Amino acid sequence: MNVEIISIHNHGDFDNEYVLLRALEGCDIGRYVLADSTYTSDGKVSNKLRHIYWFPDQAVKKGDLISLWTKSGKSTITESNSGTPIHRFFWGLQTAVWNDDGDCAALLEINTWQFFRAGG
């Protein structure tokens, strides 16, 4: 996996909540999905994915930061105080996602997929 989750900032604060990731190698962030899950009673990650965000196709370079904000907004590229590019994406949800200590951010790398229209 060429991207890692660094942290979840301001969890439970809808206007300021975001997940911060870092590119470990150059890649297309559009090959990644971030999902909100929980933990099972024995402490393992649950397979119940609640909110899912599939990043749009965009090249990122090694060391770039990627932030996914819960609220609506326009995707942009800014810089951190140290000059590192930050690719900002917005989920467009209406409420906080990371509002419970039992929440889990799961990052999935997808390299192939199939679409099939329902009813067709």
PDB file of N, CA and C in Angstrom:
ATOM      1  N   MET A   1       0.853  -1.172   0.000  1.00  0.00           N
ATOM      2  CA  MET A   1       0.000   0.000   0.000  1.00  0.00           C
ATOM      3  C   MET A   1       0.894   1.228   0.000  1.00  0.00           C
ATOM      4  N   ASN A   2       0.582   2.181  -0.890  1.00  0.00           N
ATOM      5  CA  ASN A   2       1.413   3.374  -1.039  1.00  0.00           C
ATOM      6  C   ASN A   2       0.887   4.600  -0.294  1.00  0.00           C
ATOM      7  N   VAL A   3      -0.182   4.428   0.466  1.00  0.00           N
ATOM      8  CA  VAL A   3      -0.764   5.518   1.246  1.00  0.00           C
ATOM      9  C   VAL A   3      -1.024   4.995   2.656  1.00  0.00           C
ATOM     10  N   GLU A   4      -0.819   5.863   3.663  1.00  0.00           N
ATOM     11  CA  GLU A   4      -1.090   5.471   5.045  1.00  0.00           C
ATOM     12  C   GLU A   4      -1.952   6.516   5.733  1.00  0.00           C
ATOM     13  N   ILE A   5      -2.762   6.067   6.690  1.00  0.00           N
ATOM     14  CA  ILE A   5      -3.523   6.984   7.536  1.00  0.00           C
ATOM     15  C   ILE A   5      -2.585   7.490   8.626  1.00  0.00           C
ATOM     16  N   ILE A   6      -2.529   8.793   8.800  1.00  0.00           N
ATOM     17  CA  ILE A   6      -1.707   9.387   9.855  1.00  0.00           C
ATOM     18  C   ILE A   6      -2.538   9.652  11.101  1.00  0.00           C
ATOM     19  N   SER A   7      -3.726  10.260  10.920  1.00  0.00           N
ATOM     20  CA  SER A   7      -4.523  10.646  12.083  1.00  0.00           C
ATOM     21  C   SER A   7      -5.935  11.060  11.676  1.00  0.00           C
ATOM     22  N   ILE A   8      -6.795  11.140  12.687  1.00  0.00           N
ATOM     23  CA  ILE A   8      -8.127  11.709  12.527  1.00  0.00           C
ATOM     24  C   ILE A   8      -8.147  12.954  13.409  1.00  0.00           C
ATOM     25  N   HIS A   9      -8.383  14.104  12.800  1.00  0.00           N
ATOM     26  CA  HIS A   9      -8.347  15.374  13.521  1.00  0.00           C
ATOM     27  C   HIS A   9      -9.749  15.841  13.884  1.00  0.00           C
ATOM     28  N   ASN A  10      -9.886  16.376  15.074  1.00  0.00           N
ATOM     29  CA  ASN A  10     -11.116  17.027  15.528  1.00  0.00           C
ATOM     30  C   ASN A  10     -12.338  16.120  15.428  1.00  0.00           C
ATOM     31  N   HIS A  11     -12.158  14.843  15.785  1.00  0.00           N
ATOM     32  CA  HIS A  11     -13.269  13.902  15.644  1.00  0.00           C
ATOM     33  C   HIS A  11     -14.479  14.361  16.439  1.00  0.00           C
ATOM     34  N   GLY A  12     -15.647  14.278  15.792  1.00  0.00           N
ATOM     35  CA  GLY A  12     -16.897  14.706  16.399  1.00  0.00           C
ATOM     36  C   GLY A  12     -17.236  16.172  16.173  1.00  0.00           C
ATOM     37  N   ASP A  13     -16.276  16.973  15.688  1.00  0.00           N
ATOM     38  CA  ASP A  13     -16.490  18.399  15.401  1.00  0.00           C
ATOM     39  C   ASP A  13     -16.712  18.538  13.895  1.00  0.00           C
ATOM     40  N   PHE A  14     -17.974  18.497  13.477  1.00  0.00           N
ATOM     41  CA  PHE A  14     -18.327  18.423  12.059  1.00  0.00           C
ATOM     42  C   PHE A  14     -17.582  19.433  11.180  1.00  0.00           C
ATOM     43  N   ASP A  15     -17.519  20.687  11.596  1.00  0.00           N
ATOM     44  CA  ASP A  15     -16.917  21.723  10.751  1.00  0.00           C
ATOM     45  C   ASP A  15     -15.400  21.593  10.612  1.00  0.00           C
ATOM     46  N   ASN A  16     -14.755  20.878  11.530  1.00  0.00           N
ATOM     47  CA  ASN A  16     -13.292  20.807  11.523  1.00  0.00           C
ATOM     48  C   ASN A  16     -12.743  19.393  11.458  1.00  0.00           C
ATOM     49  N   GLU A  17     -13.599  18.415  11.237  1.00  0.00           N
ATOM     50  CA  GLU A  17     -13.209  17.007  11.257  1.00  0.00           C
ATOM     51  C   GLU A  17     -12.604  16.587   9.910  1.00  0.00           C
ATOM     52  N   TYR A  18     -11.436  15.919   9.970  1.00  0.00           N
ATOM     53  CA  TYR A  18     -10.833  15.368   8.758  1.00  0.00           C
ATOM     54  C   TYR A  18      -9.870  14.232   9.102  1.00  0.00           C
ATOM     55  N   VAL A  19      -9.643  13.396   8.104  1.00  0.00           N
ATOM     56  CA  VAL A  19      -8.661  12.315   8.203  1.00  0.00           C
ATOM     57  C   VAL A  19      -7.439  12.757   7.409  1.00  0.00           C
ATOM     58  N   LEU A  20      -6.264  12.565   7.980  1.00  0.00           N
ATOM     59  CA  LEU A  20      -5.020  12.944   7.317  1.00  0.00           C
ATOM     60  C   LEU A  20      -4.264  11.688   6.905  1.00  0.00           C
ATOM     61  N   LEU A  21      -3.866  11.657   5.633  1.00  0.00           N
ATOM     62  CA  LEU A  21      -3.119  10.531   5.081  1.00  0.00           C
ATOM     63  C   LEU A  21      -1.819  11.047   4.461  1.00  0.00           C
ATOM     64  N   ARG A  22      -0.893  10.139   4.187  1.00  0.00           N
ATOM     65  CA  ARG A  22       0.378  10.494   3.544  1.00  0.00           C
ATOM     66  C   ARG A  22       0.691   9.483   2.460  1.00  0.00           C
ATOM     67  N   ALA A  23       1.169   9.988   1.330  1.00  0.00           N
ATOM     68  CA  ALA A  23       1.617   9.121   0.240  1.00  0.00           C
ATOM     69  C   ALA A  23       3.021   8.614   0.564  1.00  0.00           C
ATOM     70  N   LEU A  24       3.184   7.297   0.634  1.00  0.00           N
ATOM     71  CA  LEU A  24       4.490   6.690   0.891  1.00  0.00           C
ATOM     72  C   LEU A  24       5.303   6.561  -0.388  1.00  0.00           C
ATOM     73  N   GLU A  25       4.606   6.532  -1.514  1.00  0.00           N
ATOM     74  CA  GLU A  25       5.198   6.491  -2.856  1.00  0.00           C
ATOM     75  C   GLU A  25       4.276   7.281  -3.772  1.00  0.00           C
ATOM     76  N   GLY A  26       4.778   7.664  -4.930  1.00  0.00           N
ATOM     77  CA  GLY A  26       3.920   8.298  -5.911  1.00  0.00           C
ATOM     78  C   GLY A  26       2.855   7.309  -6.374  1.00  0.00           C
ATOM     79  N   CYS A  27       1.615   7.768  -6.506  1.00  0.00           N
ATOM     80  CA  CYS A  27       0.528   6.883  -6.904  1.00  0.00           C
ATOM     81  C   CYS A  27      -0.688   7.701  -7.315  1.00  0.00           C
ATOM     82  N   ASP A  28      -1.745   7.007  -7.704  1.00  0.00           N
ATOM     83  CA  ASP A  28      -3.031   7.625  -7.994  1.00  0.00           C
ATOM     84  C   ASP A  28      -3.920   7.420  -6.775  1.00  0.00           C
ATOM     85  N   ILE A  29      -4.291   8.506  -6.096  1.00  0.00           N
ATOM     86  CA  ILE A  29      -5.123   8.386  -4.897  1.00  0.00           C
ATOM     87  C   ILE A  29      -6.509   7.837  -5.254  1.00  0.00           C
ATOM     88  N   GLY A  30      -6.879   7.867  -6.519  1.00  0.00           N
ATOM     89  CA  GLY A  30      -8.144   7.318  -6.979  1.00  0.00           C
ATOM     90  C   GLY A  30      -8.216   5.804  -6.893  1.00  0.00           C
ATOM     91  N   ARG A  31      -7.156   5.173  -6.485  1.00  0.00           N
ATOM     92  CA  ARG A  31      -7.141   3.721  -6.259  1.00  0.00           C
ATOM     93  C   ARG A  31      -7.400   3.378  -4.797  1.00  0.00           C
ATOM     94  N   TYR A  32      -7.846   4.365  -4.024  1.00  0.00           N
ATOM     95  CA  TYR A  32      -8.051   4.153  -2.591  1.00  0.00           C
ATOM     96  C   TYR A  32      -9.462   4.553  -2.171  1.00  0.00           C
ATOM     97  N   VAL A  33      -9.966   3.823  -1.192  1.00  0.00           N
ATOM     98  CA  VAL A  33     -11.267   4.069  -0.582  1.00  0.00           C
ATOM     99  C   VAL A  33     -11.043   4.171   0.919  1.00  0.00           C
ATOM    100  N   LEU A  34     -11.664   5.172   1.544  1.00  0.00           N
ATOM    101  CA  LEU A  34     -11.629   5.291   2.993  1.00  0.00           C
ATOM    102  C   LEU A  34     -13.027   4.993   3.512  1.00  0.00           C
ATOM    103  N   ALA A  35     -13.116   4.138   4.512  1.00  0.00           N
ATOM    104  CA  ALA A  35     -14.414   3.741   5.059  1.00  0.00           C
ATOM    105  C   ALA A  35     -14.431   3.924   6.569  1.00  0.00           C
ATOM    106  N   ASP A  36     -15.615   4.208   7.064  1.00  0.00           N
ATOM    107  CA  ASP A  36     -15.891   4.309   8.495  1.00  0.00           C
ATOM    108  C   ASP A  36     -16.416   2.954   8.949  1.00  0.00           C
ATOM    109  N   SER A  37     -15.768   2.371   9.921  1.00  0.00           N
ATOM    110  CA  SER A  37     -16.194   1.088  10.472  1.00  0.00           C
ATOM    111  C   SER A  37     -16.146   1.184  11.997  1.00  0.00           C
ATOM    112  N   THR A  38     -16.349   0.061  12.652  1.00  0.00           N
ATOM    113  CA  THR A  38     -16.257  -0.024  14.111  1.00  0.00           C
ATOM    114  C   THR A  38     -15.421  -1.247  14.455  1.00  0.00           C
ATOM    115  N   TYR A  39     -15.401  -1.581  15.724  1.00  0.00           N
ATOM    116  CA  TYR A  39     -14.686  -2.760  16.189  1.00  0.00           C
ATOM    117  C   TYR A  39     -15.688  -3.799  16.700  1.00  0.00           C
ATOM    118  N   THR A  40     -15.331  -5.055  16.575  1.00  0.00           N
ATOM    119  CA  THR A  40     -16.154  -6.134  17.121  1.00  0.00           C
ATOM    120  C   THR A  40     -15.907  -6.238  18.624  1.00  0.00           C
ATOM    121  N   SER A  41     -16.678  -7.071  19.293  1.00  0.00           N
ATOM    122  CA  SER A  41     -16.535  -7.219  20.744  1.00  0.00           C
ATOM    123  C   SER A  41     -15.176  -7.785  21.147  1.00  0.00           C
ATOM    124  N   ASP A  42     -14.503  -8.470  20.216  1.00  0.00           N
ATOM    125  CA  ASP A  42     -13.175  -9.005  20.537  1.00  0.00           C
ATOM    126  C   ASP A  42     -12.040  -8.104  20.043  1.00  0.00           C
ATOM    127  N   GLY A  43     -12.384  -6.842  19.665  1.00  0.00           N
ATOM    128  CA  GLY A  43     -11.362  -5.856  19.324  1.00  0.00           C
ATOM    129  C   GLY A  43     -10.877  -5.868  17.891  1.00  0.00           C
ATOM    130  N   LYS A  44     -11.476  -6.659  17.022  1.00  0.00           N
ATOM    131  CA  LYS A  44     -11.089  -6.687  15.616  1.00  0.00           C
ATOM    132  C   LYS A  44     -11.930  -5.688  14.827  1.00  0.00           C
ATOM    133  N   VAL A  45     -11.430  -5.284  13.681  1.00  0.00           N
ATOM    134  CA  VAL A  45     -12.171  -4.352  12.840  1.00  0.00           C
ATOM    135  C   VAL A  45     -13.393  -5.056  12.274  1.00  0.00           C
ATOM    136  N   SER A  46     -14.541  -4.413  12.404  1.00  0.00           N
ATOM    137  CA  SER A  46     -15.800  -4.951  11.904  1.00  0.00           C
ATOM    138  C   SER A  46     -15.843  -4.874  10.377  1.00  0.00           C
ATOM    139  N   ASN A  47     -16.618  -5.756   9.759  1.00  0.00           N
ATOM    140  CA  ASN A  47     -16.803  -5.682   8.308  1.00  0.00           C
ATOM    141  C   ASN A  47     -18.016  -4.833   7.948  1.00  0.00           C
ATOM    142  N   LYS A  48     -18.592  -4.141   8.917  1.00  0.00           N
ATOM    143  CA  LYS A  48     -19.739  -3.264   8.684  1.00  0.00           C
ATOM    144  C   LYS A  48     -19.233  -1.870   8.323  1.00  0.00           C
ATOM    145  N   LEU A  49     -19.111  -1.630   7.041  1.00  0.00           N
ATOM    146  CA  LEU A  49     -18.665  -0.326   6.557  1.00  0.00           C
ATOM    147  C   LEU A  49     -19.879   0.590   6.471  1.00  0.00           C
ATOM    148  N   ARG A  50     -19.766   1.776   7.083  1.00  0.00           N
ATOM    149  CA  ARG A  50     -20.927   2.659   7.172  1.00  0.00           C
ATOM    150  C   ARG A  50     -20.864   3.801   6.170  1.00  0.00           C
ATOM    151  N   HIS A  51     -19.831   4.564   6.171  1.00  0.00           N
ATOM    152  CA  HIS A  51     -19.645   5.649   5.221  1.00  0.00           C
ATOM    153  C   HIS A  51     -18.413   5.300   4.392  1.00  0.00           C
ATOM    154  N   ILE A  52     -18.520   5.464   3.090  1.00  0.00           N
ATOM    155  CA  ILE A  52     -17.421   5.087   2.209  1.00  0.00           C
ATOM    156  C   ILE A  52     -17.112   6.245   1.273  1.00  0.00           C
ATOM    157  N   TYR A  53     -15.832   6.587   1.138  1.00  0.00           N
ATOM    158  CA  TYR A  53     -15.408   7.642   0.222  1.00  0.00           C
ATOM    159  C   TYR A  53     -14.368   7.064  -0.732  1.00  0.00           C
ATOM    160  N   TRP A  54     -14.670   7.087  -2.018  1.00  0.00           N
ATOM    161  CA  TRP A  54     -13.733   6.656  -3.050  1.00  0.00           C
ATOM    162  C   TRP A  54     -13.082   7.916  -3.591  1.00  0.00           C
ATOM    163  N   PHE A  55     -11.785   8.050  -3.377  1.00  0.00           N
ATOM    164  CA  PHE A  55     -11.068   9.235  -3.820  1.00  0.00           C
ATOM    165  C   PHE A  55     -11.118   9.344  -5.345  1.00  0.00           C
ATOM    166  N   PRO A  56     -11.185  10.566  -5.871  1.00  0.00           N
ATOM    167  CA  PRO A  56     -11.150  10.739  -7.325  1.00  0.00           C
ATOM    168  C   PRO A  56      -9.737  10.501  -7.852  1.00  0.00           C
ATOM    169  N   ASP A  57      -9.631  10.197  -9.118  1.00  0.00           N
ATOM    170  CA  ASP A  57      -8.316  10.010  -9.733  1.00  0.00           C
ATOM    171  C   ASP A  57      -7.506  11.294  -9.606  1.00  0.00           C
ATOM    172  N   GLN A  58      -6.340  11.176  -9.002  1.00  0.00           N
ATOM    173  CA  GLN A  58      -5.413  12.298  -8.892  1.00  0.00           C
ATOM    174  C   GLN A  58      -4.046  11.760  -8.503  1.00  0.00           C
ATOM    175  N   ALA A  59      -3.044  12.179  -9.223  1.00  0.00           N
ATOM    176  CA  ALA A  59      -1.674  11.762  -8.911  1.00  0.00           C
ATOM    177  C   ALA A  59      -1.199  12.480  -7.650  1.00  0.00           C
ATOM    178  N   VAL A  60      -0.551  11.728  -6.773  1.00  0.00           N
ATOM    179  CA  VAL A  60       0.108  12.293  -5.593  1.00  0.00           C
ATOM    180  C   VAL A  60       1.551  11.798  -5.603  1.00  0.00           C
ATOM    181  N   LYS A  61       2.433  12.601  -5.054  1.00  0.00           N
ATOM    182  CA  LYS A  61       3.849  12.254  -5.009  1.00  0.00           C
ATOM    183  C   LYS A  61       4.231  11.771  -3.615  1.00  0.00           C
ATOM    184  N   LYS A  62       5.316  11.043  -3.556  1.00  0.00           N
ATOM    185  CA  LYS A  62       5.833  10.561  -2.279  1.00  0.00           C
ATOM    186  C   LYS A  62       5.970  11.733  -1.310  1.00  0.00           C
ATOM    187  N   GLY A  63       5.410  11.570  -0.106  1.00  0.00           N
ATOM    188  CA  GLY A  63       5.489  12.603   0.918  1.00  0.00           C
ATOM    189  C   GLY A  63       4.308  13.564   0.928  1.00  0.00           C
ATOM    190  N   ASP A  64       3.519  13.599  -0.155  1.00  0.00           N
ATOM    191  CA  ASP A  64       2.346  14.475  -0.177  1.00  0.00           C
ATOM    192  C   ASP A  64       1.368  14.069   0.909  1.00  0.00           C
ATOM    193  N   LEU A  65       0.642  15.034   1.437  1.00  0.00           N
ATOM    194  CA  LEU A  65      -0.412  14.786   2.404  1.00  0.00           C
ATOM    195  C   LEU A  65      -1.759  14.810   1.694  1.00  0.00           C
ATOM    196  N   ILE A  66      -2.688  14.043   2.195  1.00  0.00           N
ATOM    197  CA  ILE A  66      -4.040  13.976   1.658  1.00  0.00           C
ATOM    198  C   ILE A  66      -4.980  14.144   2.842  1.00  0.00           C
ATOM    199  N   SER A  67      -5.904  15.095   2.760  1.00  0.00           N
ATOM    200  CA  SER A  67      -6.884  15.250   3.838  1.00  0.00           C
ATOM    201  C   SER A  67      -8.279  15.041   3.267  1.00  0.00           C
ATOM    202  N   LEU A  68      -9.080  14.307   4.011  1.00  0.00           N
ATOM    203  CA  LEU A  68     -10.473  14.087   3.649  1.00  0.00           C
ATOM    204  C   LEU A  68     -11.336  14.709   4.736  1.00  0.00           C
ATOM    205  N   TRP A  69     -11.986  15.816   4.382  1.00  0.00           N
ATOM    206  CA  TRP A  69     -12.859  16.544   5.289  1.00  0.00           C
ATOM    207  C   TRP A  69     -14.254  15.955   5.209  1.00  0.00           C
ATOM    208  N   THR A  70     -14.934  15.842   6.340  1.00  0.00           N
ATOM    209  CA  THR A  70     -16.280  15.280   6.393  1.00  0.00           C
ATOM    210  C   THR A  70     -17.292  16.187   5.696  1.00  0.00           C
ATOM    211  N   LYS A  71     -17.167  17.476   5.835  1.00  0.00           N
ATOM    212  CA  LYS A  71     -18.137  18.439   5.312  1.00  0.00           C
ATOM    213  C   LYS A  71     -18.011  18.619   3.796  1.00  0.00           C
ATOM    214  N   SER A  72     -18.873  19.454   3.249  1.00  0.00           N
ATOM    215  CA  SER A  72     -18.813  19.793   1.822  1.00  0.00           C
ATOM    216  C   SER A  72     -17.753  20.848   1.585  1.00  0.00           C
ATOM    217  N   GLY A  73     -17.241  20.877   0.387  1.00  0.00           N
ATOM    218  CA  GLY A  73     -16.248  21.865   0.002  1.00  0.00           C
ATOM    219  C   GLY A  73     -15.741  21.557  -1.385  1.00  0.00           C
ATOM    220  N   LYS A  74     -14.793  22.362  -1.859  1.00  0.00           N
ATOM    221  CA  LYS A  74     -14.214  22.187  -3.186  1.00  0.00           C
ATOM    222  C   LYS A  74     -12.809  21.630  -3.040  1.00  0.00           C
ATOM    223  N   SER A  75     -12.541  20.549  -3.727  1.00  0.00           N
ATOM    224  CA  SER A  75     -11.202  19.939  -3.659  1.00  0.00           C
ATOM    225  C   SER A  75     -10.148  20.945  -4.101  1.00  0.00           C
ATOM    226  N   THR A  76      -9.062  20.996  -3.343  1.00  0.00           N
ATOM    227  CA  THR A  76      -7.983  21.936  -3.631  1.00  0.00           C
ATOM    228  C   THR A  76      -6.646  21.280  -3.300  1.00  0.00           C
ATOM    229  N   ILE A  77      -5.583  21.934  -3.718  1.00  0.00           N
ATOM    230  CA  ILE A  77      -4.231  21.552  -3.300  1.00  0.00           C
ATOM    231  C   ILE A  77      -3.626  22.787  -2.645  1.00  0.00           C
ATOM    232  N   THR A  78      -3.225  22.635  -1.386  1.00  0.00           N
ATOM    233  CA  THR A  78      -2.589  23.725  -0.651  1.00  0.00           C
ATOM    234  C   THR A  78      -1.225  23.235  -0.185  1.00  0.00           C
ATOM    235  N   GLU A  79      -0.586  23.986   0.690  1.00  0.00           N
ATOM    236  CA  GLU A  79       0.698  23.570   1.245  1.00  0.00           C
ATOM    237  C   GLU A  79       0.660  23.664   2.768  1.00  0.00           C
ATOM    238  N   SER A  80       1.368  22.748   3.405  1.00  0.00           N
ATOM    239  CA  SER A  80       1.529  22.810   4.860  1.00  0.00           C
ATOM    240  C   SER A  80       2.508  23.936   5.184  1.00  0.00           C
ATOM    241  N   ASN A  81       2.674  24.215   6.462  1.00  0.00           N
ATOM    242  CA  ASN A  81       3.626  25.253   6.887  1.00  0.00           C
ATOM    243  C   ASN A  81       5.044  24.938   6.437  1.00  0.00           C
ATOM    244  N   SER A  82       5.349  23.648   6.259  1.00  0.00           N
ATOM    245  CA  SER A  82       6.693  23.257   5.832  1.00  0.00           C
ATOM    246  C   SER A  82       6.815  23.158   4.313  1.00  0.00           C
ATOM    247  N   GLY A  83       5.727  23.470   3.582  1.00  0.00           N
ATOM    248  CA  GLY A  83       5.774  23.459   2.123  1.00  0.00           C
ATOM    249  C   GLY A  83       5.349  22.152   1.479  1.00  0.00           C
ATOM    250  N   THR A  84       4.902  21.182   2.286  1.00  0.00           N
ATOM    251  CA  THR A  84       4.444  19.902   1.749  1.00  0.00           C
ATOM    252  C   THR A  84       3.062  20.072   1.117  1.00  0.00           C
ATOM    253  N   PRO A  85       2.860  19.581  -0.115  1.00  0.00           N
ATOM    254  CA  PRO A  85       1.529  19.671  -0.725  1.00  0.00           C
ATOM    255  C   PRO A  85       0.492  18.899   0.090  1.00  0.00           C
ATOM    256  N   ILE A  86      -0.696  19.500   0.224  1.00  0.00           N
ATOM    257  CA  ILE A  86      -1.834  18.848   0.867  1.00  0.00           C
ATOM    258  C   ILE A  86      -2.973  18.808  -0.150  1.00  0.00           C
ATOM    259  N   HIS A  87      -3.378  17.616  -0.534  1.00  0.00           N
ATOM    260  CA  HIS A  87      -4.505  17.418  -1.439  1.00  0.00           C
ATOM    261  C   HIS A  87      -5.753  17.319  -0.573  1.00  0.00           C
ATOM    262  N   ARG A  88      -6.633  18.317  -0.651  1.00  0.00           N
ATOM    263  CA  ARG A  88      -7.820  18.360   0.208  1.00  0.00           C
ATOM    264  C   ARG A  88      -9.048  17.900  -0.560  1.00  0.00           C
ATOM    265  N   PHE A  89      -9.723  16.925   0.017  1.00  0.00           N
ATOM    266  CA  PHE A  89     -10.955  16.391  -0.552  1.00  0.00           C
ATOM    267  C   PHE A  89     -12.063  16.551   0.477  1.00  0.00           C
ATOM    268  N   PHE A  90     -13.311  16.597  -0.009  1.00  0.00           N
ATOM    269  CA  PHE A  90     -14.463  16.814   0.862  1.00  0.00           C
ATOM    270  C   PHE A  90     -15.505  15.742   0.595  1.00  0.00           C
ATOM    271  N   TRP A  91     -15.974  15.101   1.681  1.00  0.00           N
ATOM    272  CA  TRP A  91     -16.899  13.978   1.632  1.00  0.00           C
ATOM    273  C   TRP A  91     -18.319  14.426   1.302  1.00  0.00           C
ATOM    274  N   GLY A  92     -18.691  15.620   1.749  1.00  0.00           N
ATOM    275  CA  GLY A  92     -20.029  16.147   1.487  1.00  0.00           C
ATOM    276  C   GLY A  92     -21.113  15.580   2.384  1.00  0.00           C
ATOM    277  N   LEU A  93     -20.740  15.098   3.561  1.00  0.00           N
ATOM    278  CA  LEU A  93     -21.720  14.565   4.499  1.00  0.00           C
ATOM    279  C   LEU A  93     -22.341  15.694   5.319  1.00  0.00           C
ATOM    280  N   GLN A  94     -23.403  15.376   6.049  1.00  0.00           N
ATOM    281  CA  GLN A  94     -24.134  16.383   6.814  1.00  0.00           C
ATOM    282  C   GLN A  94     -23.861  16.344   8.320  1.00  0.00           C
ATOM    283  N   THR A  95     -23.215  15.283   8.785  1.00  0.00           N
ATOM    284  CA  THR A  95     -22.914  15.149  10.214  1.00  0.00           C
ATOM    285  C   THR A  95     -21.511  14.561  10.375  1.00  0.00           C
ATOM    286  N   ALA A  96     -20.975  14.685  11.575  1.00  0.00           N
ATOM    287  CA  ALA A  96     -19.653  14.132  11.872  1.00  0.00           C
ATOM    288  C   ALA A  96     -19.663  12.613  11.697  1.00  0.00           C
ATOM    289  N   VAL A  97     -18.563  12.083  11.199  1.00  0.00           N
ATOM    290  CA  VAL A  97     -18.403  10.639  11.011  1.00  0.00           C
ATOM    291  C   VAL A  97     -17.648  10.039  12.185  1.00  0.00           C
ATOM    292  N   TRP A  98     -16.603  10.700  12.591  1.00  0.00           N
ATOM    293  CA  TRP A  98     -15.680  10.162  13.593  1.00  0.00           C
ATOM    294  C   TRP A  98     -16.078  10.690  14.966  1.00  0.00           C
ATOM    295  N   ASN A  99     -17.318  10.370  15.391  1.00  0.00           N
ATOM    296  CA  ASN A  99     -17.872  10.946  16.604  1.00  0.00           C
ATOM    297  C   ASN A  99     -17.867   9.997  17.795  1.00  0.00           C
ATOM    298  N   ASP A 100     -17.175   8.897  17.688  1.00  0.00           N
ATOM    299  CA  ASP A 100     -17.194   7.893  18.753  1.00  0.00           C
ATOM    300  C   ASP A 100     -15.802   7.281  18.863  1.00  0.00           C
ATOM    301  N   ASP A 101     -15.353   7.017  20.073  1.00  0.00           N
ATOM    302  CA  ASP A 101     -14.033   6.400  20.250  1.00  0.00           C
ATOM    303  C   ASP A 101     -13.976   4.994  19.667  1.00  0.00           C
ATOM    304  N   GLY A 102     -15.138   4.389  19.405  1.00  0.00           N
ATOM    305  CA  GLY A 102     -15.181   3.053  18.822  1.00  0.00           C
ATOM    306  C   GLY A 102     -15.159   3.049  17.311  1.00  0.00           C
ATOM    307  N   ASP A 103     -15.048   4.230  16.691  1.00  0.00           N
ATOM    308  CA  ASP A 103     -14.983   4.305  15.230  1.00  0.00           C
ATOM    309  C   ASP A 103     -13.602   3.905  14.738  1.00  0.00           C
ATOM    310  N   CYS A 104     -13.564   3.391  13.533  1.00  0.00           N
ATOM    311  CA  CYS A 104     -12.322   2.940  12.918  1.00  0.00           C
ATOM    312  C   CYS A 104     -12.264   3.435  11.478  1.00  0.00           C
ATOM    313  N   ALA A 105     -11.167   4.050  11.083  1.00  0.00           N
ATOM    314  CA  ALA A 105     -10.951   4.446   9.696  1.00  0.00           C
ATOM    315  C   ALA A 105     -10.219   3.300   9.002  1.00  0.00           C
ATOM    316  N   ALA A 106     -10.826   2.778   7.948  1.00  0.00           N
ATOM    317  CA  ALA A 106     -10.228   1.678   7.194  1.00  0.00           C
ATOM    318  C   ALA A 106      -9.871   2.176   5.798  1.00  0.00           C
ATOM    319  N   LEU A 107      -8.621   2.051   5.423  1.00  0.00           N
ATOM    320  CA  LEU A 107      -8.146   2.452   4.104  1.00  0.00           C
ATOM    321  C   LEU A 107      -7.979   1.209   3.246  1.00  0.00           C
ATOM    322  N   LEU A 108      -8.621   1.209   2.090  1.00  0.00           N
ATOM    323  CA  LEU A 108      -8.571   0.069   1.182  1.00  0.00           C
ATOM    324  C   LEU A 108      -7.938   0.487  -0.132  1.00  0.00           C
ATOM    325  N   GLU A 109      -7.006  -0.308  -0.616  1.00  0.00           N
ATOM    326  CA  GLU A 109      -6.426  -0.087  -1.936  1.00  0.00           C
ATOM    327  C   GLU A 109      -7.156  -0.989  -2.920  1.00  0.00           C
ATOM    328  N   ILE A 110      -7.630  -0.402  -4.010  1.00  0.00           N
ATOM    329  CA  ILE A 110      -8.349  -1.178  -5.017  1.00  0.00           C
ATOM    330  C   ILE A 110      -7.640  -1.017  -6.358  1.00  0.00           C
ATOM    331  N   ASN A 111      -7.313  -2.121  -6.974  1.00  0.00           N
ATOM    332  CA  ASN A 111      -6.594  -2.063  -8.240  1.00  0.00           C
ATOM    333  C   ASN A 111      -7.432  -2.490  -9.430  1.00  0.00           C
ATOM    334  N   THR A 112      -8.543  -3.125  -9.166  1.00  0.00           N
ATOM    335  CA  THR A 112      -9.454  -3.486 -10.241  1.00  0.00           C
ATOM    336  C   THR A 112     -10.856  -3.554  -9.663  1.00  0.00           C
ATOM    337  N   TRP A 113     -11.838  -3.300 -10.480  1.00  0.00           N
ATOM    338  CA  TRP A 113     -13.221  -3.346 -10.029  1.00  0.00           C
ATOM    339  C   TRP A 113     -14.118  -3.551 -11.234  1.00  0.00           C
ATOM    340  N   GLN A 114     -15.361  -3.858 -10.960  1.00  0.00           N
ATOM    341  CA  GLN A 114     -16.358  -4.061 -11.991  1.00  0.00           C
ATOM    342  C   GLN A 114     -17.606  -3.286 -11.609  1.00  0.00           C
ATOM    343  N   PHE A 115     -18.217  -2.625 -12.575  1.00  0.00           N
ATOM    344  CA  PHE A 115     -19.477  -1.941 -12.362  1.00  0.00           C
ATOM    345  C   PHE A 115     -20.572  -2.744 -13.031  1.00  0.00           C
ATOM    346  N   PHE A 116     -21.732  -2.765 -12.425  1.00  0.00           N
ATOM    347  CA  PHE A 116     -22.894  -3.425 -13.038  1.00  0.00           C
ATOM    348  C   PHE A 116     -24.124  -2.633 -12.630  1.00  0.00           C
ATOM    349  N   ARG A 117     -24.821  -2.125 -13.610  1.00  0.00           N
ATOM    350  CA  ARG A 117     -26.017  -1.321 -13.345  1.00  0.00           C
ATOM    351  C   ARG A 117     -27.143  -2.217 -12.852  1.00  0.00           C
ATOM    352  N   ALA A 118     -27.749  -1.846 -11.740  1.00  0.00           N
ATOM    353  CA  ALA A 118     -28.873  -2.596 -11.202  1.00  0.00           C
ATOM    354  C   ALA A 118     -30.007  -2.597 -12.228  1.00  0.00           C
ATOM    355  N   GLY A 119     -30.625  -3.735 -12.413  1.00  0.00           N
ATOM    356  CA  GLY A 119     -31.719  -3.851 -13.370  1.00  0.00           C
ATOM    357  C   GLY A 119     -31.259  -4.005 -14.793  1.00  0.00           C
ATOM    358  N   GLY A 120     -29.940  -4.161 -14.986  1.00  0.00           N
ATOM    359  CA  GLY A 120     -29.495  -4.248 -16.360  1.00  0.00           C
ATOM    360  C   GLY A 120     -28.412  -5.219 -16.522  1.00  0.00           C
TER     361      GLY A 120
END
